[in-house]
N, C-alpha and C. Protein backbone atom coordinates (compact mmCIF):
# COMPACT_ATOMS: atom_id res chain seq x y z
N UNK A 1 9.93 -7.24 -8.89
CA UNK A 1 8.70 -6.92 -9.58
C UNK A 1 8.46 -5.41 -9.51
N UNK A 2 7.93 -4.87 -10.58
CA UNK A 2 7.62 -3.44 -10.63
C UNK A 2 6.44 -3.14 -9.71
N UNK A 3 6.47 -1.96 -9.10
CA UNK A 3 5.43 -1.56 -8.15
C UNK A 3 4.04 -1.65 -8.76
N UNK A 4 3.87 -1.11 -9.98
CA UNK A 4 2.56 -1.09 -10.63
C UNK A 4 2.01 -2.48 -10.95
N UNK A 5 2.92 -3.47 -11.03
CA UNK A 5 2.51 -4.83 -11.41
C UNK A 5 2.29 -5.76 -10.22
N UNK A 6 2.41 -5.23 -9.00
CA UNK A 6 2.15 -6.06 -7.84
C UNK A 6 0.69 -6.52 -7.87
N UNK A 7 0.41 -7.76 -7.46
CA UNK A 7 -0.95 -8.32 -7.56
C UNK A 7 -1.85 -7.87 -6.41
N UNK A 8 -2.11 -6.55 -6.34
CA UNK A 8 -2.85 -6.02 -5.20
C UNK A 8 -4.20 -5.40 -5.55
N UNK A 9 -4.64 -5.52 -6.81
CA UNK A 9 -5.98 -5.03 -7.14
C UNK A 9 -7.00 -5.83 -6.33
N UNK A 10 -7.90 -5.15 -5.66
CA UNK A 10 -8.93 -5.73 -4.78
C UNK A 10 -8.38 -6.27 -3.46
N UNK A 11 -7.08 -6.14 -3.20
CA UNK A 11 -6.54 -6.55 -1.90
C UNK A 11 -7.08 -5.61 -0.82
N UNK A 12 -7.23 -6.12 0.38
CA UNK A 12 -7.77 -5.33 1.50
C UNK A 12 -6.61 -4.78 2.33
N UNK A 13 -6.58 -3.46 2.47
CA UNK A 13 -5.58 -2.80 3.30
C UNK A 13 -6.06 -2.85 4.75
N UNK A 14 -5.24 -3.35 5.64
CA UNK A 14 -5.63 -3.47 7.05
C UNK A 14 -4.87 -2.54 7.98
N UNK A 15 -3.58 -2.29 7.70
CA UNK A 15 -2.78 -1.55 8.66
C UNK A 15 -1.66 -0.78 7.98
N UNK A 16 -1.37 0.40 8.52
CA UNK A 16 -0.22 1.20 8.10
C UNK A 16 0.57 1.53 9.36
N UNK A 17 1.88 1.19 9.36
CA UNK A 17 2.74 1.45 10.50
C UNK A 17 3.97 2.23 10.04
N UNK A 18 4.36 3.24 10.84
CA UNK A 18 5.54 4.04 10.51
C UNK A 18 6.52 3.99 11.67
N UNK A 19 7.75 3.60 11.37
CA UNK A 19 8.81 3.58 12.37
C UNK A 19 9.66 4.83 12.17
N UNK A 20 9.49 5.79 13.06
CA UNK A 20 10.08 7.11 12.91
C UNK A 20 11.60 7.07 12.79
N UNK A 21 12.28 6.40 13.71
CA UNK A 21 13.75 6.42 13.74
C UNK A 21 14.36 5.77 12.50
N UNK A 22 13.75 4.70 12.02
CA UNK A 22 14.31 3.99 10.86
C UNK A 22 13.74 4.48 9.53
N UNK A 23 12.74 5.35 9.58
CA UNK A 23 12.09 5.89 8.38
C UNK A 23 11.52 4.78 7.50
N UNK A 24 10.89 3.78 8.13
CA UNK A 24 10.30 2.65 7.42
C UNK A 24 8.79 2.67 7.61
N UNK A 25 8.07 2.58 6.49
CA UNK A 25 6.61 2.52 6.50
C UNK A 25 6.19 1.14 6.00
N UNK A 26 5.30 0.49 6.74
CA UNK A 26 4.81 -0.82 6.34
C UNK A 26 3.30 -0.76 6.15
N UNK A 27 2.85 -1.19 4.98
CA UNK A 27 1.44 -1.29 4.64
C UNK A 27 1.13 -2.78 4.56
N UNK A 28 0.11 -3.23 5.27
CA UNK A 28 -0.18 -4.66 5.25
C UNK A 28 -1.67 -4.93 5.14
N UNK A 29 -1.98 -6.13 4.69
CA UNK A 29 -3.36 -6.53 4.51
C UNK A 29 -3.42 -7.94 3.96
N UNK A 30 -4.49 -8.23 3.21
CA UNK A 30 -4.60 -9.56 2.61
C UNK A 30 -5.20 -9.48 1.22
N UNK A 31 -4.78 -10.44 0.39
CA UNK A 31 -5.33 -10.58 -0.95
C UNK A 31 -6.51 -11.53 -0.88
N UNK A 32 -7.53 -11.23 -1.65
CA UNK A 32 -8.75 -12.04 -1.65
C UNK A 32 -8.65 -13.18 -2.64
N UNK A 33 -7.73 -14.07 -2.40
CA UNK A 33 -7.57 -15.29 -3.20
C UNK A 33 -7.86 -16.46 -2.27
N UNK A 34 -8.02 -17.62 -2.82
CA UNK A 34 -8.29 -18.79 -1.98
C UNK A 34 -7.06 -19.68 -1.92
N UNK A 35 -6.50 -19.93 -0.76
CA UNK A 35 -6.87 -19.31 0.51
C UNK A 35 -6.37 -17.87 0.55
N UNK A 36 -6.96 -17.02 1.43
CA UNK A 36 -6.50 -15.62 1.52
C UNK A 36 -5.00 -15.56 1.79
N UNK A 37 -4.36 -14.57 1.22
CA UNK A 37 -2.90 -14.45 1.31
C UNK A 37 -2.54 -13.10 1.92
N UNK A 38 -1.82 -13.12 3.02
CA UNK A 38 -1.35 -11.89 3.65
C UNK A 38 -0.27 -11.24 2.79
N UNK A 39 -0.21 -9.91 2.82
CA UNK A 39 0.86 -9.21 2.11
C UNK A 39 1.38 -8.08 2.97
N UNK A 40 2.60 -7.66 2.66
CA UNK A 40 3.14 -6.43 3.26
C UNK A 40 3.98 -5.71 2.21
N UNK A 41 3.86 -4.40 2.26
CA UNK A 41 4.66 -3.51 1.43
C UNK A 41 5.49 -2.69 2.39
N UNK A 42 6.79 -2.74 2.27
CA UNK A 42 7.65 -1.98 3.15
C UNK A 42 8.39 -0.93 2.33
N UNK A 43 8.25 0.32 2.74
CA UNK A 43 8.91 1.44 2.06
C UNK A 43 10.10 1.88 2.91
N UNK A 44 11.22 2.15 2.26
CA UNK A 44 12.46 2.49 2.96
C UNK A 44 12.86 3.94 2.74
N UNK A 45 13.51 4.50 3.75
CA UNK A 45 13.99 5.88 3.72
C UNK A 45 12.85 6.85 3.36
N UNK A 46 11.76 6.73 4.08
CA UNK A 46 10.55 7.52 3.83
C UNK A 46 10.75 8.96 4.28
N UNK A 47 10.39 9.91 3.43
CA UNK A 47 10.48 11.33 3.78
C UNK A 47 9.11 12.01 3.83
N UNK A 48 8.07 11.34 3.29
CA UNK A 48 6.75 11.96 3.29
C UNK A 48 5.68 10.88 3.15
N UNK A 49 4.59 11.04 3.91
CA UNK A 49 3.47 10.11 3.85
C UNK A 49 2.19 10.93 3.93
N UNK A 50 1.22 10.62 3.08
CA UNK A 50 -0.08 11.28 3.10
C UNK A 50 -1.14 10.19 3.05
N UNK A 51 -2.00 10.15 4.08
CA UNK A 51 -3.00 9.09 4.20
C UNK A 51 -4.39 9.71 4.40
N UNK A 52 -5.03 10.15 3.31
CA UNK A 52 -6.38 10.71 3.44
C UNK A 52 -7.41 9.59 3.53
N UNK A 53 -8.52 9.89 4.16
CA UNK A 53 -9.62 8.92 4.20
C UNK A 53 -10.94 9.69 4.09
N UNK A 54 -11.11 10.35 2.96
CA UNK A 54 -12.31 11.15 2.72
C UNK A 54 -13.44 10.34 2.08
N UNK A 55 -13.10 9.21 1.48
CA UNK A 55 -14.05 8.26 0.92
C UNK A 55 -15.04 8.91 -0.06
N UNK A 56 -14.50 9.61 -1.05
CA UNK A 56 -15.30 10.28 -2.07
C UNK A 56 -16.23 9.33 -2.82
N UNK A 57 -15.80 8.07 -3.00
CA UNK A 57 -16.59 7.09 -3.75
C UNK A 57 -17.32 6.12 -2.83
N UNK A 58 -17.25 6.37 -1.52
CA UNK A 58 -17.86 5.48 -0.55
C UNK A 58 -16.81 4.71 0.22
N UNK A 59 -17.21 4.16 1.35
CA UNK A 59 -16.27 3.44 2.21
C UNK A 59 -15.74 2.18 1.52
N UNK A 60 -14.44 2.00 1.57
CA UNK A 60 -13.81 0.79 1.03
C UNK A 60 -12.40 0.68 1.57
N UNK A 61 -12.00 -0.53 1.92
CA UNK A 61 -10.62 -0.81 2.37
C UNK A 61 -9.82 -1.49 1.27
N UNK A 62 -10.38 -1.57 0.07
CA UNK A 62 -9.74 -2.30 -1.02
C UNK A 62 -8.88 -1.39 -1.90
N UNK A 63 -7.79 -1.96 -2.39
CA UNK A 63 -6.88 -1.24 -3.27
C UNK A 63 -7.41 -1.32 -4.70
N UNK A 64 -7.36 -0.20 -5.39
CA UNK A 64 -7.76 -0.17 -6.80
C UNK A 64 -6.55 -0.42 -7.70
N UNK A 65 -5.54 0.45 -7.59
CA UNK A 65 -4.33 0.25 -8.38
C UNK A 65 -3.15 0.95 -7.74
N UNK A 66 -1.96 0.71 -8.31
CA UNK A 66 -0.71 1.26 -7.82
C UNK A 66 -0.03 2.03 -8.93
N UNK A 67 0.59 3.16 -8.57
CA UNK A 67 1.29 4.00 -9.54
C UNK A 67 2.59 4.48 -8.89
N UNK A 68 3.64 4.61 -9.66
CA UNK A 68 4.87 5.18 -9.13
C UNK A 68 5.49 6.12 -10.15
N UNK A 69 6.18 7.12 -9.63
CA UNK A 69 6.91 8.07 -10.46
C UNK A 69 8.13 8.50 -9.66
N UNK A 70 9.30 8.08 -10.13
CA UNK A 70 10.56 8.33 -9.43
C UNK A 70 10.47 7.80 -8.01
N UNK A 71 10.44 8.67 -6.99
CA UNK A 71 10.42 8.20 -5.60
C UNK A 71 9.05 8.37 -4.95
N UNK A 72 8.01 8.59 -5.72
CA UNK A 72 6.67 8.71 -5.18
C UNK A 72 5.87 7.45 -5.52
N UNK A 73 5.32 6.83 -4.49
CA UNK A 73 4.53 5.62 -4.64
C UNK A 73 3.09 5.95 -4.25
N UNK A 74 2.15 5.67 -5.15
CA UNK A 74 0.74 5.98 -4.92
C UNK A 74 -0.07 4.69 -4.83
N UNK A 75 -0.90 4.61 -3.79
CA UNK A 75 -1.82 3.49 -3.61
C UNK A 75 -3.22 4.08 -3.75
N UNK A 76 -3.85 3.83 -4.89
CA UNK A 76 -5.20 4.34 -5.12
C UNK A 76 -6.20 3.35 -4.54
N UNK A 77 -7.03 3.86 -3.65
CA UNK A 77 -8.01 3.02 -2.98
C UNK A 77 -9.35 3.06 -3.73
N UNK A 78 -10.17 2.04 -3.56
CA UNK A 78 -11.48 2.01 -4.20
C UNK A 78 -12.46 2.98 -3.55
N UNK A 79 -12.04 3.65 -2.49
CA UNK A 79 -12.84 4.70 -1.85
C UNK A 79 -12.67 6.04 -2.56
N UNK A 80 -11.69 6.11 -3.47
CA UNK A 80 -11.38 7.36 -4.16
C UNK A 80 -10.22 8.10 -3.51
N UNK A 81 -9.68 7.57 -2.42
CA UNK A 81 -8.54 8.19 -1.75
C UNK A 81 -7.23 7.67 -2.35
N UNK A 82 -6.17 8.47 -2.24
CA UNK A 82 -4.85 8.06 -2.70
C UNK A 82 -3.85 8.23 -1.58
N UNK A 83 -3.23 7.13 -1.19
CA UNK A 83 -2.17 7.15 -0.20
C UNK A 83 -0.87 7.41 -0.95
N UNK A 84 -0.13 8.40 -0.51
CA UNK A 84 1.11 8.80 -1.18
C UNK A 84 2.29 8.59 -0.24
N UNK A 85 3.34 7.94 -0.74
CA UNK A 85 4.55 7.69 0.04
C UNK A 85 5.75 8.12 -0.79
N UNK A 86 6.59 8.97 -0.22
CA UNK A 86 7.85 9.33 -0.86
C UNK A 86 8.94 8.53 -0.16
N UNK A 87 9.63 7.68 -0.93
CA UNK A 87 10.63 6.77 -0.37
C UNK A 87 11.64 6.42 -1.45
N UNK A 88 12.76 5.85 -1.02
CA UNK A 88 13.80 5.49 -2.00
C UNK A 88 13.58 4.11 -2.59
N UNK A 89 12.85 3.22 -1.87
CA UNK A 89 12.65 1.86 -2.35
C UNK A 89 11.48 1.21 -1.65
N UNK A 90 11.05 0.06 -2.19
CA UNK A 90 9.99 -0.71 -1.55
C UNK A 90 10.35 -2.19 -1.62
N UNK A 91 9.76 -2.96 -0.71
CA UNK A 91 9.88 -4.42 -0.72
C UNK A 91 8.47 -4.97 -0.57
N UNK A 92 8.18 -6.03 -1.33
CA UNK A 92 6.87 -6.68 -1.28
C UNK A 92 7.06 -8.10 -0.78
N UNK A 93 6.19 -8.52 0.13
CA UNK A 93 6.22 -9.90 0.61
C UNK A 93 4.78 -10.39 0.75
N UNK A 94 4.58 -11.67 0.49
CA UNK A 94 3.26 -12.28 0.67
C UNK A 94 3.44 -13.70 1.18
N UNK A 95 2.42 -14.17 1.86
CA UNK A 95 2.44 -15.54 2.36
C UNK A 95 1.02 -16.03 2.56
N UNK A 96 0.82 -17.31 2.47
CA UNK A 96 -0.50 -17.88 2.71
C UNK A 96 -0.84 -17.78 4.18
N UNK A 97 -2.10 -17.45 4.47
CA UNK A 97 -2.54 -17.35 5.87
C UNK A 97 -3.34 -18.55 6.27
């Protein structure tokens, strides 16, 4: 599935973990469907990560949309912040909780 088409609009971001030696970044949270569904996004061969939390539009842990361009993956949050990840690939997984 294409990054921009992942079903993550309004999903709640809970955790971001970076494994330095393996250059793997994992973003995880849950989708607000019934029943709630856990998700994880794993980025591989990461060379850059930017995680601002200025909350220009107010506090929110929800994802607005996703954008990608070549090796840059953007997670636009409903707070007005944009998480930027430079990586060679991503994997998406979800499961019912």
